[in-house]
Amino acid sequence: FREKLKFDDILQSLPEPKLVCRPYDDAERIYGPMVQRYRQLIEQL
């Protein structure tokens, strides 16, 4: 069906993966800087 349907379209009949958790509202504020810190530490190491 590739001419008519995207891959995702043919999967519509399948159950969705199960949602387990969502991020907290302040997650990016905490972890964005930690990703930058990680890069700096790796550079030093």
ModelCIF file with pLDDT and N, C-alpha, C, O atoms, coordinates in Angstrom:
data_MODEL
#
_entry.id   MODEL 
#
_entity.id                         1 
_entity.type                       polymer 
_entity.pdbx_number_of_molecules   1 
#
_entity_poly.entity_id                      1 
_entity_poly.type                           'polypeptide(L)' 
_entity_poly.nstd_linkage                   no 
_entity_poly.nstd_monomer                   no 
_entity_poly.pdbx_seq_one_letter_code       FREKLKFDDILQSLPEPKLVCRPYDDAERIYGPMVQRYRQLIEQL 
_entity_poly.pdbx_seq_one_letter_code_can   FREKLKFDDILQSLPEPKLVCRPYDDAERIYGPMVQRYRQLIEQL 
_entity_poly.pdbx_strand_id                 A 
#
loop_
_entity_poly_seq.entity_id 
_entity_poly_seq.num 
_entity_poly_seq.mon_id 
_entity_poly_seq.hetero 
1 1  PHE n 
1 2  ARG n 
1 3  GLU n 
1 4  LYS n 
1 5  LEU n 
1 6  LYS n 
1 7  PHE n 
1 8  ASP n 
1 9  ASP n 
1 10 ILE n 
1 11 LEU n 
1 12 GLN n 
1 13 SER n 
1 14 LEU n 
1 15 PRO n 
1 16 GLU n 
1 17 PRO n 
1 18 LYS n 
1 19 LEU n 
1 20 VAL n 
1 21 CYS n 
1 22 ARG n 
1 23 PRO n 
1 24 TYR n 
1 25 ASP n 
1 26 ASP n 
1 27 ALA n 
1 28 GLU n 
1 29 ARG n 
1 30 ILE n 
1 31 TYR n 
1 32 GLY n 
1 33 PRO n 
1 34 MET n 
1 35 VAL n 
1 36 GLN n 
1 37 ARG n 
1 38 TYR n 
1 39 ARG n 
1 40 GLN n 
1 41 LEU n 
1 42 ILE n 
1 43 GLU n 
1 44 GLN n 
1 45 LEU n 
#
_struct_asym.id          A 
_struct_asym.entity_id   1 
#
loop_
_ma_qa_metric.id 
_ma_qa_metric.mode 
_ma_qa_metric.name 
_ma_qa_metric.software_group_id 
_ma_qa_metric.type 
1 global pLDDT . pLDDT 
2 local  pLDDT . pLDDT 
#
_ma_qa_metric_global.metric_id      1 
_ma_qa_metric_global.metric_value   95.31 
_ma_qa_metric_global.model_id       1 
_ma_qa_metric_global.ordinal_id     1 
#
loop_
_ma_qa_metric_local.label_asym_id 
_ma_qa_metric_local.label_comp_id 
_ma_qa_metric_local.label_seq_id 
_ma_qa_metric_local.metric_id 
_ma_qa_metric_local.metric_value 
_ma_qa_metric_local.model_id 
_ma_qa_metric_local.ordinal_id 
A PHE 1  2 94.00 1 1  
A ARG 2  2 92.00 1 2  
A GLU 3  2 92.00 1 3  
A LYS 4  2 93.00 1 4  
A LEU 5  2 93.00 1 5  
A LYS 6  2 93.00 1 6  
A PHE 7  2 95.00 1 7  
A ASP 8  2 93.00 1 8  
A ASP 9  2 94.00 1 9  
A ILE 10 2 94.00 1 10 
A LEU 11 2 94.00 1 11 
A GLN 12 2 92.00 1 12 
A SER 13 2 90.00 1 13 
A LEU 14 2 93.00 1 14 
A PRO 15 2 90.00 1 15 
A GLU 16 2 87.00 1 16 
A PRO 17 2 92.00 1 17 
A LYS 18 2 94.00 1 18 
A LEU 19 2 97.00 1 19 
A VAL 20 2 97.00 1 20 
A CYS 21 2 97.00 1 21 
A ARG 22 2 98.00 1 22 
A PRO 23 2 98.00 1 23 
A TYR 24 2 98.00 1 24 
A ASP 25 2 97.00 1 25 
A ASP 26 2 97.00 1 26 
A ALA 27 2 98.00 1 27 
A GLU 28 2 98.00 1 28 
A ARG 29 2 98.00 1 29 
A ILE 30 2 98.00 1 30 
A TYR 31 2 98.00 1 31 
A GLY 32 2 98.00 1 32 
A PRO 33 2 98.00 1 33 
A MET 34 2 98.00 1 34 
A VAL 35 2 98.00 1 35 
A GLN 36 2 98.00 1 36 
A ARG 37 2 98.00 1 37 
A TYR 38 2 98.00 1 38 
A ARG 39 2 97.00 1 39 
A GLN 40 2 97.00 1 40 
A LEU 41 2 96.00 1 41 
A ILE 42 2 96.00 1 42 
A GLU 43 2 95.00 1 43 
A GLN 44 2 94.00 1 44 
A LEU 45 2 94.00 1 45 
#
loop_
_atom_site.group_PDB 
_atom_site.id 
_atom_site.type_symbol 
_atom_site.label_atom_id 
_atom_site.label_alt_id 
_atom_site.label_comp_id 
_atom_site.label_asym_id 
_atom_site.label_entity_id 
_atom_site.label_seq_id 
_atom_site.pdbx_PDB_ins_code 
_atom_site.Cartn_x 
_atom_site.Cartn_y 
_atom_site.Cartn_z 
_atom_site.occupancy 
_atom_site.B_iso_or_equiv 
_atom_site.pdbx_formal_charge 
_atom_site.auth_seq_id 
_atom_site.auth_comp_id 
_atom_site.auth_asym_id 
_atom_site.auth_atom_id 
_atom_site.pdbx_PDB_model_num 
ATOM 1   N N  . PHE A 1 1  ? 0.823  -1.224 0.000  1.00 94.00 ? 1  PHE A N  1 
ATOM 2   C CA . PHE A 1 1  ? 0.000  0.000  0.000  1.00 94.00 ? 1  PHE A CA 1 
ATOM 3   C C  . PHE A 1 1  ? 0.852  1.266  0.000  1.00 94.00 ? 1  PHE A C  1 
ATOM 4   O O  . PHE A 1 1  ? 0.343  2.354  0.268  1.00 94.00 ? 1  PHE A O  1 
ATOM 5   N N  . ARG A 1 2  ? 2.148  1.132  -0.300 1.00 92.00 ? 2  ARG A N  1 
ATOM 6   C CA . ARG A 1 2  ? 3.074  2.262  -0.123 1.00 92.00 ? 2  ARG A CA 1 
ATOM 7   C C  . ARG A 1 2  ? 2.710  3.472  -0.969 1.00 92.00 ? 2  ARG A C  1 
ATOM 8   O O  . ARG A 1 2  ? 3.047  4.596  -0.597 1.00 92.00 ? 2  ARG A O  1 
ATOM 9   N N  . GLU A 1 3  ? 2.034  3.278  -2.094 1.00 92.00 ? 3  GLU A N  1 
ATOM 10  C CA . GLU A 1 3  ? 1.669  4.422  -2.947 1.00 92.00 ? 3  GLU A CA 1 
ATOM 11  C C  . GLU A 1 3  ? 0.575  5.268  -2.298 1.00 92.00 ? 3  GLU A C  1 
ATOM 12  O O  . GLU A 1 3  ? 0.493  6.472  -2.538 1.00 92.00 ? 3  GLU A O  1 
ATOM 13  N N  . LYS A 1 4  ? -0.271 4.633  -1.469 1.00 93.00 ? 4  LYS A N  1 
ATOM 14  C CA . LYS A 1 4  ? -1.426 5.350  -0.891 1.00 93.00 ? 4  LYS A CA 1 
ATOM 15  C C  . LYS A 1 4  ? -1.243 5.694  0.589  1.00 93.00 ? 4  LYS A C  1 
ATOM 16  O O  . LYS A 1 4  ? -1.721 6.725  1.060  1.00 93.00 ? 4  LYS A O  1 
ATOM 17  N N  . LEU A 1 5  ? -0.542 4.810  1.315  1.00 93.00 ? 5  LEU A N  1 
ATOM 18  C CA . LEU A 1 5  ? -0.506 4.969  2.771  1.00 93.00 ? 5  LEU A CA 1 
ATOM 19  C C  . LEU A 1 5  ? 0.912  5.075  3.300  1.00 93.00 ? 5  LEU A C  1 
ATOM 20  O O  . LEU A 1 5  ? 1.826  4.419  2.799  1.00 93.00 ? 5  LEU A O  1 
ATOM 21  N N  . LYS A 1 6  ? 1.091  5.922  4.334  1.00 93.00 ? 6  LYS A N  1 
ATOM 22  C CA . LYS A 1 6  ? 2.363  5.957  5.040  1.00 93.00 ? 6  LYS A CA 1 
ATOM 23  C C  . LYS A 1 6  ? 2.450  4.716  5.921  1.00 93.00 ? 6  LYS A C  1 
ATOM 24  O O  . LYS A 1 6  ? 1.444  4.060  6.192  1.00 93.00 ? 6  LYS A O  1 
ATOM 25  N N  . PHE A 1 7  ? 3.664  4.405  6.362  1.00 95.00 ? 7  PHE A N  1 
ATOM 26  C CA . PHE A 1 7  ? 3.858  3.233  7.215  1.00 95.00 ? 7  PHE A CA 1 
ATOM 27  C C  . PHE A 1 7  ? 2.979  3.324  8.467  1.00 95.00 ? 7  PHE A C  1 
ATOM 28  O O  . PHE A 1 7  ? 2.365  2.341  8.883  1.00 95.00 ? 7  PHE A O  1 
ATOM 29  N N  . ASP A 1 8  ? 2.933  4.518  9.055  1.00 93.00 ? 8  ASP A N  1 
ATOM 30  C CA . ASP A 1 8  ? 2.155  4.700  10.280 1.00 93.00 ? 8  ASP A CA 1 
ATOM 31  C C  . ASP A 1 8  ? 0.660  4.436  10.064 1.00 93.00 ? 8  ASP A C  1 
ATOM 32  O O  . ASP A 1 8  ? -0.041 3.996  10.975 1.00 93.00 ? 8  ASP A O  1 
ATOM 33  N N  . ASP A 1 9  ? 0.184  4.712  8.846  1.00 94.00 ? 9  ASP A N  1 
ATOM 34  C CA . ASP A 1 9  ? -1.252 4.524  8.555  1.00 94.00 ? 9  ASP A CA 1 
ATOM 35  C C  . ASP A 1 9  ? -1.679 3.066  8.650  1.00 94.00 ? 9  ASP A C  1 
ATOM 36  O O  . ASP A 1 9  ? -2.796 2.762  9.067  1.00 94.00 ? 9  ASP A O  1 
ATOM 37  N N  . ILE A 1 10 ? -0.765 2.156  8.254  1.00 94.00 ? 10 ILE A N  1 
ATOM 38  C CA . ILE A 1 10 ? -1.179 0.744  8.270  1.00 94.00 ? 10 ILE A CA 1 
ATOM 39  C C  . ILE A 1 10 ? -1.133 0.150  9.674  1.00 94.00 ? 10 ILE A C  1 
ATOM 40  O O  . ILE A 1 10 ? -1.575 -0.978 9.890  1.00 94.00 ? 10 ILE A O  1 
ATOM 41  N N  . LEU A 1 11 ? -0.590 0.920  10.642 1.00 94.00 ? 11 LEU A N  1 
ATOM 42  C CA . LEU A 1 11 ? -0.487 0.414  12.014 1.00 94.00 ? 11 LEU A CA 1 
ATOM 43  C C  . LEU A 1 11 ? -1.654 0.852  12.889 1.00 94.00 ? 11 LEU A C  1 
ATOM 44  O O  . LEU A 1 11 ? -1.687 0.557  14.084 1.00 94.00 ? 11 LEU A O  1 
ATOM 45  N N  . GLN A 1 12 ? -2.624 1.567  12.282 1.00 92.00 ? 12 GLN A N  1 
ATOM 46  C CA . GLN A 1 12 ? -3.723 2.151  13.063 1.00 92.00 ? 12 GLN A CA 1 
ATOM 47  C C  . GLN A 1 12 ? -4.498 1.113  13.875 1.00 92.00 ? 12 GLN A C  1 
ATOM 48  O O  . GLN A 1 12 ? -5.034 1.426  14.938 1.00 92.00 ? 12 GLN A O  1 
ATOM 49  N N  . SER A 1 13 ? -4.556 -0.131 13.367 1.00 90.00 ? 13 SER A N  1 
ATOM 50  C CA . SER A 1 13 ? -5.352 -1.159 14.053 1.00 90.00 ? 13 SER A CA 1 
ATOM 51  C C  . SER A 1 13 ? -4.672 -1.684 15.316 1.00 90.00 ? 13 SER A C  1 
ATOM 52  O O  . SER A 1 13 ? -5.297 -2.374 16.121 1.00 90.00 ? 13 SER A O  1 
ATOM 53  N N  . LEU A 1 14 ? -3.395 -1.359 15.487 1.00 93.00 ? 14 LEU A N  1 
ATOM 54  C CA . LEU A 1 14 ? -2.660 -1.887 16.646 1.00 93.00 ? 14 LEU A CA 1 
ATOM 55  C C  . LEU A 1 14 ? -2.870 -1.007 17.870 1.00 93.00 ? 14 LEU A C  1 
ATOM 56  O O  . LEU A 1 14 ? -3.048 0.204  17.737 1.00 93.00 ? 14 LEU A O  1 
ATOM 57  N N  . PRO A 1 15 ? -2.853 -1.604 19.063 1.00 90.00 ? 15 PRO A N  1 
ATOM 58  C CA . PRO A 1 15 ? -2.959 -0.779 20.272 1.00 90.00 ? 15 PRO A CA 1 
ATOM 59  C C  . PRO A 1 15 ? -1.722 0.096  20.435 1.00 90.00 ? 15 PRO A C  1 
ATOM 60  O O  . PRO A 1 15 ? -0.613 -0.318 20.098 1.00 90.00 ? 15 PRO A O  1 
ATOM 61  N N  . GLU A 1 16 ? -1.912 1.288  20.944 1.00 87.00 ? 16 GLU A N  1 
ATOM 62  C CA . GLU A 1 16 ? -0.792 2.207  21.153 1.00 87.00 ? 16 GLU A CA 1 
ATOM 63  C C  . GLU A 1 16 ? 0.104  1.683  22.284 1.00 87.00 ? 16 GLU A C  1 
ATOM 64  O O  . GLU A 1 16 ? -0.372 0.968  23.166 1.00 87.00 ? 16 GLU A O  1 
ATOM 65  N N  . PRO A 1 17 ? 1.397  2.033  22.265 1.00 92.00 ? 17 PRO A N  1 
ATOM 66  C CA . PRO A 1 17 ? 2.234  1.711  23.430 1.00 92.00 ? 17 PRO A CA 1 
ATOM 67  C C  . PRO A 1 17 ? 1.642  2.365  24.680 1.00 92.00 ? 17 PRO A C  1 
ATOM 68  O O  . PRO A 1 17 ? 0.947  3.377  24.584 1.00 92.00 ? 17 PRO A O  1 
ATOM 69  N N  . LYS A 1 18 ? 1.914  1.795  25.832 1.00 94.00 ? 18 LYS A N  1 
ATOM 70  C CA . LYS A 1 18 ? 1.291  2.256  27.075 1.00 94.00 ? 18 LYS A CA 1 
ATOM 71  C C  . LYS A 1 18 ? 2.062  3.433  27.672 1.00 94.00 ? 18 LYS A C  1 
ATOM 72  O O  . LYS A 1 18 ? 3.269  3.345  27.896 1.00 94.00 ? 18 LYS A O  1 
ATOM 73  N N  . LEU A 1 19 ? 1.348  4.541  27.928 1.00 97.00 ? 19 LEU A N  1 
ATOM 74  C CA . LEU A 1 19 ? 1.966  5.708  28.565 1.00 97.00 ? 19 LEU A CA 1 
ATOM 75  C C  . LEU A 1 19 ? 2.260  5.377  30.024 1.00 97.00 ? 19 LEU A C  1 
ATOM 76  O O  . LEU A 1 19 ? 1.371  4.955  30.764 1.00 97.00 ? 19 LEU A O  1 
ATOM 77  N N  . VAL A 1 20 ? 3.521  5.574  30.435 1.00 97.00 ? 20 VAL A N  1 
ATOM 78  C CA . VAL A 1 20 ? 3.906  5.251  31.812 1.00 97.00 ? 20 VAL A CA 1 
ATOM 79  C C  . VAL A 1 20 ? 4.082  6.516  32.637 1.00 97.00 ? 20 VAL A C  1 
ATOM 80  O O  . VAL A 1 20 ? 3.627  6.580  33.780 1.00 97.00 ? 20 VAL A O  1 
ATOM 81  N N  . CYS A 1 21 ? 4.738  7.521  32.071 1.00 97.00 ? 21 CYS A N  1 
ATOM 82  C CA . CYS A 1 21 ? 4.940  8.753  32.848 1.00 97.00 ? 21 CYS A CA 1 
ATOM 83  C C  . CYS A 1 21 ? 5.209  9.947  31.944 1.00 97.00 ? 21 CYS A C  1 
ATOM 84  O O  . CYS A 1 21 ? 5.662  9.804  30.809 1.00 97.00 ? 21 CYS A O  1 
ATOM 85  N N  . ARG A 1 22 ? 4.919  11.122 32.476 1.00 98.00 ? 22 ARG A N  1 
ATOM 86  C CA . ARG A 1 22 ? 5.183  12.380 31.775 1.00 98.00 ? 22 ARG A CA 1 
ATOM 87  C C  . ARG A 1 22 ? 6.229  13.167 32.561 1.00 98.00 ? 22 ARG A C  1 
ATOM 88  O O  . ARG A 1 22 ? 6.365  12.970 33.769 1.00 98.00 ? 22 ARG A O  1 
ATOM 89  N N  . PRO A 1 23 ? 6.969  14.054 31.897 1.00 98.00 ? 23 PRO A N  1 
ATOM 90  C CA . PRO A 1 23 ? 7.972  14.847 32.634 1.00 98.00 ? 23 PRO A CA 1 
ATOM 91  C C  . PRO A 1 23 ? 7.298  15.884 33.523 1.00 98.00 ? 23 PRO A C  1 
ATOM 92  O O  . PRO A 1 23 ? 6.189  16.337 33.238 1.00 98.00 ? 23 PRO A O  1 
ATOM 93  N N  . TYR A 1 24 ? 7.978  16.253 34.601 1.00 98.00 ? 24 TYR A N  1 
ATOM 94  C CA . TYR A 1 24 ? 7.494  17.357 35.435 1.00 98.00 ? 24 TYR A CA 1 
ATOM 95  C C  . TYR A 1 24 ? 7.675  18.669 34.686 1.00 98.00 ? 24 TYR A C  1 
ATOM 96  O O  . TYR A 1 24 ? 8.512  18.770 33.789 1.00 98.00 ? 24 TYR A O  1 
ATOM 97  N N  . ASP A 1 25 ? 6.894  19.663 35.054 1.00 97.00 ? 25 ASP A N  1 
ATOM 98  C CA . ASP A 1 25 ? 6.911  20.948 34.340 1.00 97.00 ? 25 ASP A CA 1 
ATOM 99  C C  . ASP A 1 25 ? 8.282  21.629 34.357 1.00 97.00 ? 25 ASP A C  1 
ATOM 100 O O  . ASP A 1 25 ? 8.640  22.345 33.422 1.00 97.00 ? 25 ASP A O  1 
ATOM 101 N N  . ASP A 1 26 ? 9.048  21.395 35.437 1.00 97.00 ? 26 ASP A N  1 
ATOM 102 C CA . ASP A 1 26 ? 10.337 22.083 35.544 1.00 97.00 ? 26 ASP A CA 1 
ATOM 103 C C  . ASP A 1 26 ? 11.499 21.205 35.054 1.00 97.00 ? 26 ASP A C  1 
ATOM 104 O O  . ASP A 1 26 ? 12.662 21.525 35.298 1.00 97.00 ? 26 ASP A O  1 
ATOM 105 N N  . ALA A 1 27 ? 11.184 20.106 34.367 1.00 98.00 ? 27 ALA A N  1 
ATOM 106 C CA . ALA A 1 27 ? 12.225 19.144 33.984 1.00 98.00 ? 27 ALA A CA 1 
ATOM 107 C C  . ALA A 1 27 ? 13.326 19.778 33.138 1.00 98.00 ? 27 ALA A C  1 
ATOM 108 O O  . ALA A 1 27 ? 14.510 19.554 33.393 1.00 98.00 ? 27 ALA A O  1 
ATOM 109 N N  . GLU A 1 28 ? 12.945 20.566 32.135 1.00 98.00 ? 28 GLU A N  1 
ATOM 110 C CA . GLU A 1 28 ? 13.951 21.132 31.235 1.00 98.00 ? 28 GLU A CA 1 
ATOM 111 C C  . GLU A 1 28 ? 14.836 22.137 31.967 1.00 98.00 ? 28 GLU A C  1 
ATOM 112 O O  . GLU A 1 28 ? 16.031 22.241 31.690 1.00 98.00 ? 28 GLU A O  1 
ATOM 113 N N  . ARG A 1 29 ? 14.248 22.865 32.889 1.00 98.00 ? 29 ARG A N  1 
ATOM 114 C CA . ARG A 1 29 ? 15.026 23.858 33.658 1.00 98.00 ? 29 ARG A CA 1 
ATOM 115 C C  . ARG A 1 29 ? 16.130 23.155 34.468 1.00 98.00 ? 29 ARG A C  1 
ATOM 116 O O  . ARG A 1 29 ? 17.221 23.696 34.650 1.00 98.00 ? 29 ARG A O  1 
ATOM 117 N N  . ILE A 1 30 ? 15.825 21.952 34.943 1.00 98.00 ? 30 ILE A N  1 
ATOM 118 C CA . ILE A 1 30 ? 16.813 21.202 35.743 1.00 98.00 ? 30 ILE A CA 1 
ATOM 119 C C  . ILE A 1 30 ? 17.832 20.487 34.845 1.00 98.00 ? 30 ILE A C  1 
ATOM 120 O O  . ILE A 1 30 ? 19.039 20.551 35.078 1.00 98.00 ? 30 ILE A O  1 
ATOM 121 N N  . TYR A 1 31 ? 17.317 19.805 33.817 1.00 98.00 ? 31 TYR A N  1 
ATOM 122 C CA . TYR A 1 31 ? 18.202 18.893 33.073 1.00 98.00 ? 31 TYR A CA 1 
ATOM 123 C C  . TYR A 1 31 ? 18.872 19.520 31.852 1.00 98.00 ? 31 TYR A C  1 
ATOM 124 O O  . TYR A 1 31 ? 19.902 19.017 31.404 1.00 98.00 ? 31 TYR A O  1 
ATOM 125 N N  . GLY A 1 32 ? 18.324 20.594 31.304 1.00 98.00 ? 32 GLY A N  1 
ATOM 126 C CA . GLY A 1 32 ? 19.001 21.280 30.195 1.00 98.00 ? 32 GLY A CA 1 
ATOM 127 C C  . GLY A 1 32 ? 20.428 21.665 30.582 1.00 98.00 ? 32 GLY A C  1 
ATOM 128 O O  . GLY A 1 32 ? 21.368 21.325 29.863 1.00 98.00 ? 32 GLY A O  1 
ATOM 129 N N  . PRO A 1 33 ? 20.611 22.378 31.720 1.00 98.00 ? 33 PRO A N  1 
ATOM 130 C CA . PRO A 1 33 ? 21.966 22.738 32.166 1.00 98.00 ? 33 PRO A CA 1 
ATOM 131 C C  . PRO A 1 33 ? 22.836 21.519 32.483 1.00 98.00 ? 33 PRO A C  1 
ATOM 132 O O  . PRO A 1 33 ? 24.054 21.561 32.316 1.00 98.00 ? 33 PRO A O  1 
ATOM 133 N N  . MET A 1 34 ? 22.196 20.423 32.948 1.00 98.00 ? 34 MET A N  1 
ATOM 134 C CA . MET A 1 34 ? 22.988 19.229 33.280 1.00 98.00 ? 34 MET A CA 1 
ATOM 135 C C  . MET A 1 34 ? 23.573 18.588 32.021 1.00 98.00 ? 34 MET A C  1 
ATOM 136 O O  . MET A 1 34 ? 24.659 18.010 32.059 1.00 98.00 ? 34 MET A O  1 
ATOM 137 N N  . VAL A 1 35 ? 22.853 18.692 30.918 1.00 98.00 ? 35 VAL A N  1 
ATOM 138 C CA . VAL A 1 35 ? 23.385 18.167 29.651 1.00 98.00 ? 35 VAL A CA 1 
ATOM 139 C C  . VAL A 1 35 ? 24.630 18.964 29.262 1.00 98.00 ? 35 VAL A C  1 
ATOM 140 O O  . VAL A 1 35 ? 25.619 18.392 28.802 1.00 98.00 ? 35 VAL A O  1 
ATOM 141 N N  . GLN A 1 36 ? 24.578 20.292 29.448 1.00 98.00 ? 36 GLN A N  1 
ATOM 142 C CA . GLN A 1 36 ? 25.747 21.130 29.146 1.00 98.00 ? 36 GLN A CA 1 
ATOM 143 C C  . GLN A 1 36 ? 26.905 20.800 30.095 1.00 98.00 ? 36 GLN A C  1 
ATOM 144 O O  . GLN A 1 36 ? 28.067 20.754 29.691 1.00 98.00 ? 36 GLN A O  1 
ATOM 145 N N  . ARG A 1 37 ? 26.561 20.576 31.348 1.00 98.00 ? 37 ARG A N  1 
ATOM 146 C CA . ARG A 1 37 ? 27.599 20.227 32.335 1.00 98.00 ? 37 ARG A CA 1 
ATOM 147 C C  . ARG A 1 37 ? 28.275 18.907 31.941 1.00 98.00 ? 37 ARG A C  1 
ATOM 148 O O  . ARG A 1 37 ? 29.494 18.768 32.039 1.00 98.00 ? 37 ARG A O  1 
ATOM 149 N N  . TYR A 1 38 ? 27.466 17.950 31.497 1.00 98.00 ? 38 TYR A N  1 
ATOM 150 C CA . TYR A 1 38 ? 28.002 16.655 31.059 1.00 98.00 ? 38 TYR A CA 1 
ATOM 151 C C  . TYR A 1 38 ? 29.022 16.854 29.942 1.00 98.00 ? 38 TYR A C  1 
ATOM 152 O O  . TYR A 1 38 ? 30.109 16.278 29.976 1.00 98.00 ? 38 TYR A O  1 
ATOM 153 N N  . ARG A 1 39 ? 28.666 17.669 28.953 1.00 97.00 ? 39 ARG A N  1 
ATOM 154 C CA . ARG A 1 39 ? 29.578 17.892 27.816 1.00 97.00 ? 39 ARG A CA 1 
ATOM 155 C C  . ARG A 1 39 ? 30.918 18.475 28.293 1.00 97.00 ? 39 ARG A C  1 
ATOM 156 O O  . ARG A 1 39 ? 31.981 18.079 27.816 1.00 97.00 ? 39 ARG A O  1 
ATOM 157 N N  . GLN A 1 40 ? 30.849 19.414 29.236 1.00 97.00 ? 40 GLN A N  1 
ATOM 158 C CA . GLN A 1 40 ? 32.076 20.038 29.748 1.00 97.00 ? 40 GLN A CA 1 
ATOM 159 C C  . GLN A 1 40 ? 32.936 19.024 30.520 1.00 97.00 ? 40 GLN A C  1 
ATOM 160 O O  . GLN A 1 40 ? 34.158 18.994 30.381 1.00 97.00 ? 40 GLN A O  1 
ATOM 161 N N  . LEU A 1 41 ? 32.272 18.201 31.330 1.00 96.00 ? 41 LEU A N  1 
ATOM 162 C CA . LEU A 1 41 ? 33.009 17.194 32.107 1.00 96.00 ? 41 LEU A CA 1 
ATOM 163 C C  . LEU A 1 41 ? 33.702 16.190 31.196 1.00 96.00 ? 41 LEU A C  1 
ATOM 164 O O  . LEU A 1 41 ? 34.852 15.816 31.424 1.00 96.00 ? 41 LEU A O  1 
ATOM 165 N N  . ILE A 1 42 ? 32.985 15.757 30.157 1.00 96.00 ? 42 ILE A N  1 
ATOM 166 C CA . ILE A 1 42 ? 33.565 14.784 29.220 1.00 96.00 ? 42 ILE A CA 1 
ATOM 167 C C  . ILE A 1 42 ? 34.782 15.387 28.527 1.00 96.00 ? 42 ILE A C  1 
ATOM 168 O O  . ILE A 1 42 ? 35.798 14.718 28.343 1.00 96.00 ? 42 ILE A O  1 
ATOM 169 N N  . GLU A 1 43 ? 34.670 16.633 28.152 1.00 95.00 ? 43 GLU A N  1 
ATOM 170 C CA . GLU A 1 43 ? 35.797 17.318 27.502 1.00 95.00 ? 43 GLU A CA 1 
ATOM 171 C C  . GLU A 1 43 ? 37.024 17.307 28.411 1.00 95.00 ? 43 GLU A C  1 
ATOM 172 O O  . GLU A 1 43 ? 38.137 17.012 27.975 1.00 95.00 ? 43 GLU A O  1 
ATOM 173 N N  . GLN A 1 44 ? 36.794 17.637 29.692 1.00 94.00 ? 44 GLN A N  1 
ATOM 174 C CA . GLN A 1 44 ? 37.908 17.655 30.672 1.00 94.00 ? 44 GLN A CA 1 
ATOM 175 C C  . GLN A 1 44 ? 38.478 16.250 30.860 1.00 94.00 ? 44 GLN A C  1 
ATOM 176 O O  . GLN A 1 44 ? 39.694 16.059 30.861 1.00 94.00 ? 44 GLN A O  1 
ATOM 177 N N  . LEU A 1 45 ? 37.586 15.267 31.021 1.00 94.00 ? 45 LEU A N  1 
ATOM 178 C CA . LEU A 1 45 ? 38.031 13.889 31.271 1.00 94.00 ? 45 LEU A CA 1 
ATOM 179 C C  . LEU A 1 45 ? 38.824 13.331 30.089 1.00 94.00 ? 45 LEU A C  1 
ATOM 180 O O  . LEU A 1 45 ? 39.272 12.186 30.132 1.00 94.00 ? 45 LEU A O  1 
#
